[in-house]
Amino acid sequence: MNGTLAYLVTAVGCLFGVAGLVVALVALRRSKQRPSAPPPVADPFRDHDADALRGDPRRLRPGDLVEIRQVTYAVRGSLHLTEGGWNWAEHLLDTADGTRRWLSVEEDPDLELVLWTAEPTATVTPGPTTVQFDGRWYRSDESGQARWTATGTTGLAPTGSVRYHDYLASAEARLSFEKYGDADWEVARGELLRRPEVMVYPQAGPEKMS
């Protein structure tokens, strides 16, 4: 290889080397200047996977079906209650054979689902710090007065107020007293549900249209 040719090869190699360095520096600079996208804002207490797979209990309405512990209920009516800045819902459920339950749906702040069974023959009344019912002691948890708005069939007026007093025997066992208007206290026993025990089947209809 003569001197001229060697010089040309060396020059071309240097030129490509400088060009590559420039491209690398420009890419590095752009990567530093490119702003990173902010992470999406999400509710840390929402279980979106469970809602997608099992339906969202927060959106229950009259006409929906809900399966609880492998028993299918129809939602006959709903009460939407408010007390100060707090709100929750109670849904009247029944089965094909006429079995009736109430399902309460509340975020405190996690989603809490409680299945209630009325105890019409109970003679216990609220007020004491602890009460005994059916051989079990319950301790007072909270009490107050809320306003309700009813939809569907609930057996109640479209609006009104309710006094309540809730008791706990454990994290899963509840006892509730409710007094609607001038009526007597109504007693119900509650069971805390796990999210996988509840499957919601929304029904199409005018109420579901948006």
Protein backbone atom coordinates (compact mmCIF):
# COMPACT_ATOMS: atom_id res chain seq x y z
CA MET A 1 0.00 0.00 0.00
CA ASN A 2 1.55 3.32 -1.00
CA GLY A 3 1.64 6.36 1.24
CA THR A 4 -1.21 8.22 -0.51
CA LEU A 5 -3.61 5.31 -0.24
CA ALA A 6 -2.71 4.73 3.38
CA TYR A 7 -3.35 8.38 4.11
CA LEU A 8 -6.81 8.24 2.46
CA VAL A 9 -7.81 5.13 4.42
CA THR A 10 -6.71 6.71 7.65
CA ALA A 11 -8.61 9.93 6.89
CA VAL A 12 -11.82 8.13 6.00
CA GLY A 13 -11.60 6.04 9.20
CA CYS A 14 -11.16 9.16 11.29
CA LEU A 15 -14.09 10.83 9.53
CA PHE A 16 -16.42 7.91 10.31
CA GLY A 17 -15.18 7.82 13.86
CA VAL A 18 -15.92 11.52 14.38
CA ALA A 19 -19.38 11.13 12.77
CA GLY A 20 -20.22 8.21 15.05
CA LEU A 21 -19.14 10.19 18.08
CA VAL A 22 -21.33 13.13 17.06
CA VAL A 23 -24.37 10.88 16.56
CA ALA A 24 -23.82 9.26 19.97
CA LEU A 25 -23.50 12.65 21.69
CA VAL A 26 -26.70 13.96 20.03
CA ALA A 27 -28.64 10.84 21.03
CA LEU A 28 -27.38 11.11 24.61
CA ARG A 29 -28.36 14.76 24.80
CA ARG A 30 -31.88 14.09 23.44
CA SER A 31 -32.37 11.25 25.92
CA LYS A 32 -31.49 13.58 28.77
CA GLN A 33 -33.80 16.33 27.50
CA ARG A 34 -36.81 14.07 26.82
CA PRO A 35 -39.20 14.43 29.80
CA SER A 36 -40.41 11.18 31.30
CA ALA A 37 -44.18 10.63 31.29
CA PRO A 38 -45.76 11.02 34.75
CA PRO A 39 -47.12 7.79 36.24
CA PRO A 40 -50.91 7.41 36.00
CA VAL A 41 -52.87 8.42 39.08
CA ALA A 42 -54.71 5.43 40.55
CA ASP A 43 -56.86 4.78 43.58
CA PRO A 44 -54.68 2.57 45.80
CA PHE A 45 -57.74 1.07 47.46
CA ARG A 46 -59.49 -0.06 44.28
CA ASP A 47 -59.11 -3.68 43.24
CA HIS A 48 -59.54 -3.15 39.51
CA ASP A 49 -58.71 -6.76 38.67
CA ALA A 50 -61.46 -8.01 41.00
CA ASP A 51 -63.92 -5.44 39.59
CA ALA A 52 -63.14 -6.51 36.02
CA LEU A 53 -63.52 -10.21 36.79
CA ARG A 54 -66.32 -10.16 39.37
CA GLY A 55 -68.21 -6.90 38.75
CA ASP A 56 -68.18 -3.76 40.88
CA PRO A 57 -70.43 -3.86 44.00
CA ARG A 58 -70.22 -0.06 44.18
CA ARG A 59 -72.33 0.08 41.01
CA LEU A 60 -75.13 -2.28 42.12
CA ARG A 61 -78.63 -1.19 41.13
CA PRO A 62 -82.13 -2.64 41.19
CA GLY A 63 -82.41 -5.30 38.50
CA ASP A 64 -78.86 -6.57 38.88
CA LEU A 65 -78.05 -10.10 39.98
CA VAL A 66 -75.44 -10.81 42.62
CA GLU A 67 -74.03 -14.19 43.59
CA ILE A 68 -72.90 -14.48 47.21
CA ARG A 69 -71.32 -17.70 48.43
CA GLN A 70 -72.80 -19.52 45.42
CA VAL A 71 -76.35 -18.27 46.09
CA THR A 72 -77.86 -16.00 43.43
CA TYR A 73 -79.91 -12.99 44.54
CA ALA A 74 -81.81 -10.33 42.62
CA VAL A 75 -81.40 -6.71 43.71
CA ARG A 76 -84.97 -5.53 44.38
CA GLY A 77 -84.18 -2.08 45.73
CA SER A 78 -81.37 0.12 47.00
CA LEU A 79 -80.92 2.69 49.74
CA HIS A 80 -78.23 5.33 49.29
CA LEU A 81 -77.43 6.81 52.69
CA THR A 82 -75.52 9.93 53.69
CA GLU A 83 -74.35 11.20 57.05
CA GLY A 84 -72.30 14.38 56.97
CA GLY A 85 -69.65 13.79 54.32
CA TRP A 86 -69.97 10.01 54.47
CA ASN A 87 -72.09 7.81 52.22
CA TRP A 88 -72.81 4.12 51.72
CA ALA A 89 -75.44 1.85 50.15
CA GLU A 90 -77.70 -0.95 51.30
CA HIS A 91 -79.33 -3.26 48.77
CA LEU A 92 -82.39 -5.45 49.33
CA LEU A 93 -81.75 -8.91 47.87
CA ASP A 94 -83.98 -11.92 47.43
CA THR A 95 -83.75 -15.38 45.93
CA ALA A 96 -86.15 -17.29 43.73
CA ASP A 97 -87.57 -19.04 46.82
CA GLY A 98 -88.19 -15.73 48.65
CA THR A 99 -85.18 -15.62 50.98
CA ARG A 100 -84.35 -11.98 51.72
CA ARG A 101 -81.08 -10.37 52.76
CA TRP A 102 -79.56 -6.91 52.81
CA LEU A 103 -76.10 -6.24 51.41
CA SER A 104 -74.28 -3.13 52.63
CA VAL A 105 -71.50 -1.64 50.49
CA GLU A 106 -69.17 0.85 52.12
CA GLU A 107 -65.64 2.20 51.62
CA ASP A 108 -63.95 2.88 54.95
CA PRO A 109 -61.53 3.47 53.16
CA ASP A 110 -61.24 -0.14 51.89
CA LEU A 111 -64.27 -1.74 50.32
CA GLU A 112 -66.41 -3.47 52.98
CA LEU A 113 -69.25 -5.84 52.08
CA VAL A 114 -71.58 -7.15 54.78
CA LEU A 115 -74.48 -9.56 54.27
CA TRP A 116 -77.31 -8.94 56.74
CA THR A 117 -80.07 -11.28 57.91
CA ALA A 118 -83.09 -9.81 59.71
CA GLU A 119 -83.84 -11.10 63.21
CA PRO A 120 -87.54 -10.15 63.63
CA THR A 121 -88.01 -12.06 66.91
CA ALA A 122 -85.05 -10.44 68.68
CA THR A 123 -85.94 -8.58 71.88
CA VAL A 124 -82.55 -6.99 72.53
CA THR A 125 -82.33 -3.18 72.19
CA PRO A 126 -79.37 -0.86 71.51
CA GLY A 127 -77.74 1.52 73.94
CA PRO A 128 -75.44 -0.39 76.31
CA THR A 129 -71.72 -0.69 75.65
CA THR A 130 -72.19 -4.43 75.17
CA VAL A 131 -75.25 -6.51 74.32
CA GLN A 132 -75.82 -10.25 74.29
CA PHE A 133 -77.64 -11.92 71.43
CA ASP A 134 -78.04 -15.61 70.68
CA GLY A 135 -75.38 -16.54 73.24
CA ARG A 136 -72.80 -14.10 71.91
CA TRP A 137 -71.57 -10.77 73.25
CA TYR A 138 -71.31 -7.76 70.94
CA ARG A 139 -69.59 -4.46 71.75
CA SER A 140 -70.77 -1.04 70.58
CA ASP A 141 -68.96 0.19 67.45
CA GLU A 142 -70.74 3.27 66.09
CA SER A 143 -74.11 4.99 66.03
CA GLY A 144 -75.72 7.96 64.34
CA GLN A 145 -78.49 9.16 62.05
CA ALA A 146 -78.44 9.17 58.26
CA ARG A 147 -80.65 10.30 55.40
CA TRP A 148 -81.62 7.85 52.68
CA THR A 149 -82.79 7.99 49.07
CA ALA A 150 -84.49 4.82 47.81
CA THR A 151 -84.68 3.32 44.33
CA GLY A 152 -86.53 0.22 43.25
CA THR A 153 -88.58 -1.75 45.79
CA THR A 154 -87.47 -1.39 49.42
CA GLY A 155 -90.73 -1.10 51.37
CA LEU A 156 -89.71 2.42 52.41
CA ALA A 157 -90.60 5.92 51.27
CA PRO A 158 -88.44 7.48 48.52
CA THR A 159 -86.61 9.55 51.13
CA GLY A 160 -86.34 9.62 54.90
CA SER A 161 -84.06 9.29 57.89
CA VAL A 162 -82.82 6.32 59.89
CA ARG A 163 -81.16 6.00 63.28
CA TYR A 164 -78.65 3.19 63.63
CA HIS A 165 -76.45 1.55 66.24
CA ASP A 166 -73.86 -1.03 65.14
CA TYR A 167 -72.15 -3.64 67.31
CA LEU A 168 -69.22 -6.01 66.68
CA ALA A 169 -68.47 -9.44 68.11
CA SER A 170 -65.37 -9.86 65.91
CA ALA A 171 -64.02 -8.52 62.62
CA GLU A 172 -66.51 -10.74 60.77
CA ALA A 173 -69.58 -10.82 63.06
CA ARG A 174 -71.88 -7.78 63.29
CA LEU A 175 -75.16 -6.84 64.91
CA SER A 176 -77.11 -3.83 63.67
CA PHE A 177 -80.09 -1.88 65.00
CA GLU A 178 -81.98 0.44 62.67
CA LYS A 179 -84.98 2.66 63.37
CA TYR A 180 -86.79 4.13 60.37
CA GLY A 181 -88.86 7.15 61.31
CA ASP A 182 -91.24 6.31 64.15
CA ALA A 183 -91.05 2.53 63.63
CA ASP A 184 -89.57 0.16 66.19
CA TRP A 185 -85.93 -0.87 66.18
CA GLU A 186 -85.12 -3.53 63.58
CA VAL A 187 -82.35 -6.03 64.39
CA ALA A 188 -80.11 -7.74 61.85
CA ARG A 189 -77.12 -10.01 62.13
CA GLY A 190 -74.24 -9.34 59.71
CA GLU A 191 -71.41 -11.36 58.20
CA LEU A 192 -68.38 -9.68 56.66
CA LEU A 193 -67.80 -10.98 53.13
CA ARG A 194 -64.52 -11.51 51.35
CA ARG A 195 -64.30 -9.93 47.90
CA PRO A 196 -64.01 -13.29 46.06
CA GLU A 197 -67.30 -14.41 47.63
CA VAL A 198 -69.27 -11.80 45.66
CA MET A 199 -69.96 -11.87 41.90
CA VAL A 200 -72.01 -9.09 40.27
CA TYR A 201 -74.01 -9.53 37.06
CA PRO A 202 -75.19 -6.09 35.85
CA GLN A 203 -78.46 -6.20 33.90
CA ALA A 204 -79.01 -4.11 30.79
CA GLY A 205 -81.86 -1.64 30.91
CA PRO A 206 -82.80 2.06 31.05
CA GLU A 207 -81.13 2.51 34.43
CA LYS A 208 -77.84 1.27 33.00
CA MET A 209 -77.74 3.65 30.08
CA SER A 210 -75.47 6.68 30.34
